Amino acid sequence: MARFPSREAEITAAAVKLIEGLTDNPEIFPSPSVPPDELAVTLQRYRDAAEAAAKATAAARDAYSLKDDALEDLTDQMRSDYKYAESVAGRDEGKLLLVGWAARASRNRLQPPAQARDLEVVRSGKGWISLDWRQAPDGGEVAAYEVQVSRPEEGLWQNVGTALDTELLLSNQERGVELEYHVVAVNRAGKANPSNAVRVTL
């Protein structure tokens, strides 16, 4: 007995063949449960939705890229102004606080960051996933977050992305298998324990 297809491309190809077969052979299949013209309407509705989803995914990727570029520019500009403020005000805490800054605590040893929390899947699709999480209120200042993935049965984690904020959109991820993601906070002093893990099939 034939098996129903499982992949989208296979399903749509089978739908086209089914519609053609029912349309061209009414003497053999006079009263199908779903008429071929109704199947054709549903197939077109799927194609329109798939095209819209692809455009939305591309738009989301572009939006995240623009956001990351703007954040990088903002960070560079702020660092430049903070350095200027330090050169003008020296270590005068009161003056630096006027611009929301503080004198550098040169004697304080940097501590490793604490474990990131509440990792969750915001959105996902075919081969892409959007994650976000919360920064721990304690521990050393986080320099970046390493996002890692593993197949649950293997337990071998590999980096698939780095984030400066507490969210990241990953594309070109493995499809059709269960994947597990977690996040590791890092700075120059070391790495935190991994966050909670989330599992998803893309």
C-alpha atoms as a PDB file:
ATOM      1  CA  MET A   1       0.000   0.000   0.000  1.00  0.00           C
ATOM      2  CA  ALA A   2       1.290   3.466  -0.865  1.00  0.00           C
ATOM      3  CA  ARG A   3       2.453   5.699   1.987  1.00  0.00           C
ATOM      4  CA  PHE A   4       1.249   9.257   2.341  1.00  0.00           C
ATOM      5  CA  PRO A   5       4.134  11.707   1.720  1.00  0.00           C
ATOM      6  CA  SER A   6       5.592  13.525   4.733  1.00  0.00           C
ATOM      7  CA  ARG A   7       7.551  16.436   3.235  1.00  0.00           C
ATOM      8  CA  GLU A   8       5.917  19.586   1.943  1.00  0.00           C
ATOM      9  CA  ALA A   9       7.397  19.333  -1.552  1.00  0.00           C
ATOM     10  CA  GLU A  10       6.284  15.712  -1.811  1.00  0.00           C
ATOM     11  CA  ILE A  11       2.769  16.553  -0.603  1.00  0.00           C
ATOM     12  CA  THR A  12       2.328  19.381  -3.114  1.00  0.00           C
ATOM     13  CA  ALA A  13       3.681  17.250  -5.966  1.00  0.00           C
ATOM     14  CA  ALA A  14       1.280  14.464  -5.008  1.00  0.00           C
ATOM     15  CA  ALA A  15      -1.585  16.988  -4.832  1.00  0.00           C
ATOM     16  CA  VAL A  16      -0.893  18.140  -8.395  1.00  0.00           C
ATOM     17  CA  LYS A  17      -0.881  14.524  -9.603  1.00  0.00           C
ATOM     18  CA  LEU A  18      -4.098  13.748  -7.707  1.00  0.00           C
ATOM     19  CA  ILE A  19      -5.884  16.805  -9.109  1.00  0.00           C
ATOM     20  CA  GLU A  20      -4.797  15.957 -12.653  1.00  0.00           C
ATOM     21  CA  GLY A  21      -5.793  12.318 -12.273  1.00  0.00           C
ATOM     22  CA  LEU A  22      -9.264  13.093 -10.920  1.00  0.00           C
ATOM     23  CA  THR A  23      -9.867  15.827 -13.508  1.00  0.00           C
ATOM     24  CA  ASP A  24      -8.751  13.743 -16.504  1.00  0.00           C
ATOM     25  CA  ASN A  25     -10.516  10.539 -15.498  1.00  0.00           C
ATOM     26  CA  PRO A  26     -14.086  11.333 -14.331  1.00  0.00           C
ATOM     27  CA  GLU A  27     -15.396   8.096 -15.788  1.00  0.00           C
ATOM     28  CA  ILE A  28     -13.147   6.133 -13.411  1.00  0.00           C
ATOM     29  CA  PHE A  29     -13.449   8.488 -10.395  1.00  0.00           C
ATOM     30  CA  PRO A  30     -16.924  10.055 -10.800  1.00  0.00           C
ATOM     31  CA  SER A  31     -17.549  11.172  -7.202  1.00  0.00           C
ATOM     32  CA  PRO A  32     -14.369  11.782  -5.158  1.00  0.00           C
ATOM     33  CA  SER A  33     -14.815  12.789  -1.522  1.00  0.00           C
ATOM     34  CA  VAL A  34     -13.182  16.143  -2.305  1.00  0.00           C
ATOM     35  CA  PRO A  35     -13.676  17.354  -5.905  1.00  0.00           C
ATOM     36  CA  PRO A  36     -10.497  18.224  -7.814  1.00  0.00           C
ATOM     37  CA  ASP A  37     -11.483  21.886  -8.179  1.00  0.00           C
ATOM     38  CA  GLU A  38     -11.773  22.161  -4.395  1.00  0.00           C
ATOM     39  CA  LEU A  39      -8.379  20.468  -4.018  1.00  0.00           C
ATOM     40  CA  ALA A  40      -6.938  22.994  -6.479  1.00  0.00           C
ATOM     41  CA  VAL A  41      -8.276  25.895  -4.423  1.00  0.00           C
ATOM     42  CA  THR A  42      -6.729  24.471  -1.241  1.00  0.00           C
ATOM     43  CA  LEU A  43      -3.434  23.827  -3.008  1.00  0.00           C
ATOM     44  CA  GLN A  44      -3.305  27.432  -4.188  1.00  0.00           C
ATOM     45  CA  ARG A  45      -4.157  28.633  -0.698  1.00  0.00           C
ATOM     46  CA  TYR A  46      -1.201  26.637   0.617  1.00  0.00           C
ATOM     47  CA  ARG A  47       1.120  28.072  -2.052  1.00  0.00           C
ATOM     48  CA  ASP A  48       0.034  31.633  -1.231  1.00  0.00           C
ATOM     49  CA  ALA A  49       0.563  31.010   2.492  1.00  0.00           C
ATOM     50  CA  ALA A  50       3.961  29.392   1.883  1.00  0.00           C
ATOM     51  CA  GLU A  51       5.075  32.368  -0.192  1.00  0.00           C
ATOM     52  CA  ALA A  52       3.889  34.782   2.496  1.00  0.00           C
ATOM     53  CA  ALA A  53       5.703  32.770   5.178  1.00  0.00           C
ATOM     54  CA  ALA A  54       8.926  32.818   3.154  1.00  0.00           C
ATOM     55  CA  LYS A  55       8.666  36.588   2.730  1.00  0.00           C
ATOM     56  CA  ALA A  56       7.950  37.033   6.446  1.00  0.00           C
ATOM     57  CA  THR A  57      10.972  34.901   7.361  1.00  0.00           C
ATOM     58  CA  ALA A  58      13.208  36.917   5.039  1.00  0.00           C
ATOM     59  CA  ALA A  59      11.804  40.149   6.446  1.00  0.00           C
ATOM     60  CA  ALA A  60      12.431  38.940  10.012  1.00  0.00           C
ATOM     61  CA  ARG A  61      16.026  38.083   9.164  1.00  0.00           C
ATOM     62  CA  ASP A  62      16.524  41.483   7.562  1.00  0.00           C
ATOM     63  CA  ALA A  63      14.951  43.208  10.564  1.00  0.00           C
ATOM     64  CA  TYR A  64      17.212  41.371  13.020  1.00  0.00           C
ATOM     65  CA  SER A  65      20.244  42.198  10.872  1.00  0.00           C
ATOM     66  CA  LEU A  66      19.310  45.887  10.823  1.00  0.00           C
ATOM     67  CA  LYS A  67      18.716  45.805  14.571  1.00  0.00           C
ATOM     68  CA  ASP A  68      22.110  44.184  15.235  1.00  0.00           C
ATOM     69  CA  ASP A  69      23.896  46.669  12.951  1.00  0.00           C
ATOM     70  CA  ALA A  70      22.215  49.609  14.665  1.00  0.00           C
ATOM     71  CA  LEU A  71      23.039  48.221  18.117  1.00  0.00           C
ATOM     72  CA  GLU A  72      26.692  47.757  17.132  1.00  0.00           C
ATOM     73  CA  ASP A  73      26.859  51.342  15.844  1.00  0.00           C
ATOM     74  CA  LEU A  74      25.169  52.643  18.997  1.00  0.00           C
ATOM     75  CA  THR A  75      27.565  50.682  21.213  1.00  0.00           C
ATOM     76  CA  ASP A  76      30.627  52.011  19.373  1.00  0.00           C
ATOM     77  CA  GLN A  77      29.371  55.587  19.579  1.00  0.00           C
ATOM     78  CA  MET A  78      28.525  55.295  23.286  1.00  0.00           C
ATOM     79  CA  ARG A  79      31.928  53.818  24.092  1.00  0.00           C
ATOM     80  CA  SER A  80      33.554  56.699  22.269  1.00  0.00           C
ATOM     81  CA  ASP A  81      31.597  59.275  24.275  1.00  0.00           C
ATOM     82  CA  TYR A  82      32.246  57.452  27.571  1.00  0.00           C
ATOM     83  CA  LYS A  83      35.987  57.531  26.835  1.00  0.00           C
ATOM     84  CA  TYR A  84      35.672  61.241  26.096  1.00  0.00           C
ATOM     85  CA  ALA A  85      33.808  61.776  29.378  1.00  0.00           C
ATOM     86  CA  GLU A  86      36.523  59.929  31.279  1.00  0.00           C
ATOM     87  CA  SER A  87      39.235  62.010  29.635  1.00  0.00           C
ATOM     88  CA  VAL A  88      37.438  65.238  30.609  1.00  0.00           C
ATOM     89  CA  ALA A  89      36.170  64.305  34.075  1.00  0.00           C
ATOM     90  CA  GLY A  90      38.967  61.953  35.114  1.00  0.00           C
ATOM     91  CA  ARG A  91      37.818  59.888  38.091  1.00  0.00           C
ATOM     92  CA  ASP A  92      35.307  62.462  39.335  1.00  0.00           C
ATOM     93  CA  GLU A  93      32.360  60.200  40.120  1.00  0.00           C
ATOM     94  CA  GLY A  94      29.889  63.057  40.331  1.00  0.00           C
ATOM     95  CA  LYS A  95      30.702  64.359  36.857  1.00  0.00           C
ATOM     96  CA  LEU A  96      30.655  60.908  35.282  1.00  0.00           C
ATOM     97  CA  LEU A  97      27.277  60.139  36.843  1.00  0.00           C
ATOM     98  CA  LEU A  98      25.854  63.100  34.919  1.00  0.00           C
ATOM     99  CA  VAL A  99      26.160  61.008  31.766  1.00  0.00           C
ATOM    100  CA  GLY A 100      25.186  57.757  33.478  1.00  0.00           C
ATOM    101  CA  TRP A 101      28.765  56.511  33.763  1.00  0.00           C
ATOM    102  CA  ALA A 102      31.112  55.742  36.635  1.00  0.00           C
ATOM    103  CA  ALA A 103      34.830  55.665  37.203  1.00  0.00           C
ATOM    104  CA  ARG A 104      36.463  52.364  36.389  1.00  0.00           C
ATOM    105  CA  ALA A 105      37.041  50.148  39.397  1.00  0.00           C
ATOM    106  CA  SER A 106      40.556  49.155  38.445  1.00  0.00           C
ATOM    107  CA  ARG A 107      41.200  47.096  41.583  1.00  0.00           C
ATOM    108  CA  ASN A 108      38.101  44.941  41.301  1.00  0.00           C
ATOM    109  CA  ARG A 109      38.791  41.580  39.753  1.00  0.00           C
ATOM    110  CA  LEU A 110      36.337  40.594  37.028  1.00  0.00           C
ATOM    111  CA  GLN A 111      34.122  37.694  38.029  1.00  0.00           C
ATOM    112  CA  PRO A 112      32.749  35.043  35.660  1.00  0.00           C
ATOM    113  CA  PRO A 113      29.125  35.640  34.661  1.00  0.00           C
ATOM    114  CA  ALA A 114      26.240  33.808  36.265  1.00  0.00           C
ATOM    115  CA  GLN A 115      24.012  31.294  34.506  1.00  0.00           C
ATOM    116  CA  ALA A 116      21.546  32.686  31.949  1.00  0.00           C
ATOM    117  CA  ARG A 117      17.913  31.861  32.766  1.00  0.00           C
ATOM    118  CA  ASP A 118      14.521  31.172  31.231  1.00  0.00           C
ATOM    119  CA  LEU A 119      15.663  30.269  27.712  1.00  0.00           C
ATOM    120  CA  GLU A 120      12.642  29.847  25.437  1.00  0.00           C
ATOM    121  CA  VAL A 121      11.679  29.487  21.800  1.00  0.00           C
ATOM    122  CA  VAL A 122       9.977  32.674  20.588  1.00  0.00           C
ATOM    123  CA  ARG A 123       9.304  31.538  17.024  1.00  0.00           C
ATOM    124  CA  SER A 124      10.537  28.811  14.712  1.00  0.00           C
ATOM    125  CA  GLY A 125      10.101  27.615  11.161  1.00  0.00           C
ATOM    126  CA  LYS A 126      11.667  25.355   8.574  1.00  0.00           C
ATOM    127  CA  GLY A 127      15.369  25.589   9.327  1.00  0.00           C
ATOM    128  CA  TRP A 128      15.239  28.690  11.570  1.00  0.00           C
ATOM    129  CA  ILE A 129      14.555  29.497  15.211  1.00  0.00           C
ATOM    130  CA  SER A 130      14.319  32.636  17.337  1.00  0.00           C
ATOM    131  CA  LEU A 131      15.404  32.321  20.979  1.00  0.00           C
ATOM    132  CA  ASP A 132      15.434  34.630  23.951  1.00  0.00           C
ATOM    133  CA  TRP A 133      16.499  34.343  27.592  1.00  0.00           C
ATOM    134  CA  ARG A 134      17.100  36.369  30.749  1.00  0.00           C
ATOM    135  CA  GLN A 135      20.367  37.631  32.165  1.00  0.00           C
ATOM    136  CA  ALA A 136      21.165  36.584  35.727  1.00  0.00           C
ATOM    137  CA  PRO A 137      20.969  39.454  38.256  1.00  0.00           C
ATOM    138  CA  ASP A 138      24.277  38.447  39.869  1.00  0.00           C
ATOM    139  CA  GLY A 139      27.718  37.393  38.658  1.00  0.00           C
ATOM    140  CA  GLY A 140      30.228  39.263  36.526  1.00  0.00           C
ATOM    141  CA  GLU A 141      29.275  41.454  33.587  1.00  0.00           C
ATOM    142  CA  VAL A 142      28.392  39.410  30.516  1.00  0.00           C
ATOM    143  CA  ALA A 143      30.494  40.095  27.421  1.00  0.00           C
ATOM    144  CA  ALA A 144      28.522  37.817  25.112  1.00  0.00           C
ATOM    145  CA  TYR A 145      26.336  34.739  24.969  1.00  0.00           C
ATOM    146  CA  GLU A 146      27.284  31.574  23.109  1.00  0.00           C
ATOM    147  CA  VAL A 147      24.268  29.741  21.696  1.00  0.00           C
ATOM    148  CA  GLN A 148      24.940  26.019  21.386  1.00  0.00           C
ATOM    149  CA  VAL A 149      23.048  23.133  19.782  1.00  0.00           C
ATOM    150  CA  SER A 150      23.114  19.370  20.165  1.00  0.00           C
ATOM    151  CA  ARG A 151      21.213  16.297  19.158  1.00  0.00           C
ATOM    152  CA  PRO A 152      19.765  15.038  22.463  1.00  0.00           C
ATOM    153  CA  GLU A 153      20.887  11.467  21.863  1.00  0.00           C
ATOM    154  CA  GLU A 154      24.483  12.578  21.169  1.00  0.00           C
ATOM    155  CA  GLY A 155      25.073  15.157  23.874  1.00  0.00           C
ATOM    156  CA  LEU A 156      27.823  16.914  21.887  1.00  0.00           C
ATOM    157  CA  TRP A 157      27.355  20.669  21.994  1.00  0.00           C
ATOM    158  CA  GLN A 158      28.619  23.049  19.321  1.00  0.00           C
ATOM    159  CA  ASN A 159      28.404  26.818  18.969  1.00  0.00           C
ATOM    160  CA  VAL A 160      25.932  28.026  16.337  1.00  0.00           C
ATOM    161  CA  GLY A 161      25.760  31.715  17.190  1.00  0.00           C
ATOM    162  CA  THR A 162      26.929  34.526  19.450  1.00  0.00           C
ATOM    163  CA  ALA A 163      24.714  37.266  20.874  1.00  0.00           C
ATOM    164  CA  LEU A 164      25.481  40.516  22.648  1.00  0.00           C
ATOM    165  CA  ASP A 165      21.865  40.828  23.781  1.00  0.00           C
ATOM    166  CA  THR A 166      19.473  38.277  25.281  1.00  0.00           C
ATOM    167  CA  GLU A 167      17.958  37.154  21.965  1.00  0.00           C
ATOM    168  CA  LEU A 168      19.117  35.638  18.713  1.00  0.00           C
ATOM    169  CA  LEU A 169      17.658  34.487  15.405  1.00  0.00           C
ATOM    170  CA  LEU A 170      19.389  31.411  13.954  1.00  0.00           C
ATOM    171  CA  SER A 171      18.952  30.343  10.343  1.00  0.00           C
ATOM    172  CA  ASN A 172      20.217  27.381   8.292  1.00  0.00           C
ATOM    173  CA  GLN A 173      19.580  24.983  11.146  1.00  0.00           C
ATOM    174  CA  GLU A 174      19.251  21.232  10.666  1.00  0.00           C
ATOM    175  CA  ARG A 175      15.732  20.235   9.672  1.00  0.00           C
ATOM    176  CA  GLY A 176      13.605  17.192  10.427  1.00  0.00           C
ATOM    177  CA  VAL A 177      15.457  16.082  13.584  1.00  0.00           C
ATOM    178  CA  GLU A 178      15.006  16.959  17.241  1.00  0.00           C
ATOM    179  CA  LEU A 179      17.551  19.558  18.363  1.00  0.00           C
ATOM    180  CA  GLU A 180      18.405  20.889  21.802  1.00  0.00           C
ATOM    181  CA  TYR A 181      19.607  24.444  22.435  1.00  0.00           C
ATOM    182  CA  HIS A 182      21.148  26.171  25.439  1.00  0.00           C
ATOM    183  CA  VAL A 183      22.957  29.449  26.115  1.00  0.00           C
ATOM    184  CA  VAL A 184      26.293  30.072  27.859  1.00  0.00           C
ATOM    185  CA  ALA A 185      27.195  33.506  29.246  1.00  0.00           C
ATOM    186  CA  VAL A 186      30.890  34.404  28.832  1.00  0.00           C
ATOM    187  CA  ASN A 187      33.356  37.153  29.694  1.00  0.00           C
ATOM    188  CA  ARG A 188      37.132  37.433  30.035  1.00  0.00           C
ATOM    189  CA  ALA A 189      37.038  35.742  33.440  1.00  0.00           C
ATOM    190  CA  GLY A 190      35.346  32.588  32.161  1.00  0.00           C
ATOM    191  CA  LYS A 191      32.064  30.947  31.283  1.00  0.00           C
ATOM    192  CA  ALA A 192      28.876  30.387  33.246  1.00  0.00           C
ATOM    193  CA  ASN A 193      27.054  27.095  33.488  1.00  0.00           C
ATOM    194  CA  PRO A 194      24.729  26.527  30.525  1.00  0.00           C
ATOM    195  CA  SER A 195      21.161  27.786  30.767  1.00  0.00           C
ATOM    196  CA  ASN A 196      18.168  25.515  30.729  1.00  0.00           C
ATOM    197  CA  ALA A 197      17.809  23.638  27.440  1.00  0.00           C
ATOM    198  CA  VAL A 198      14.914  23.747  24.977  1.00  0.00           C
ATOM    199  CA  ARG A 199      14.070  21.086  22.416  1.00  0.00           C
ATOM    200  CA  VAL A 200      12.533  21.651  19.006  1.00  0.00           C
ATOM    201  CA  THR A 201      12.194  20.033  15.604  1.00  0.00           C
ATOM    202  CA  LEU A 202      12.547  22.519  12.742  1.00  0.00           C
END
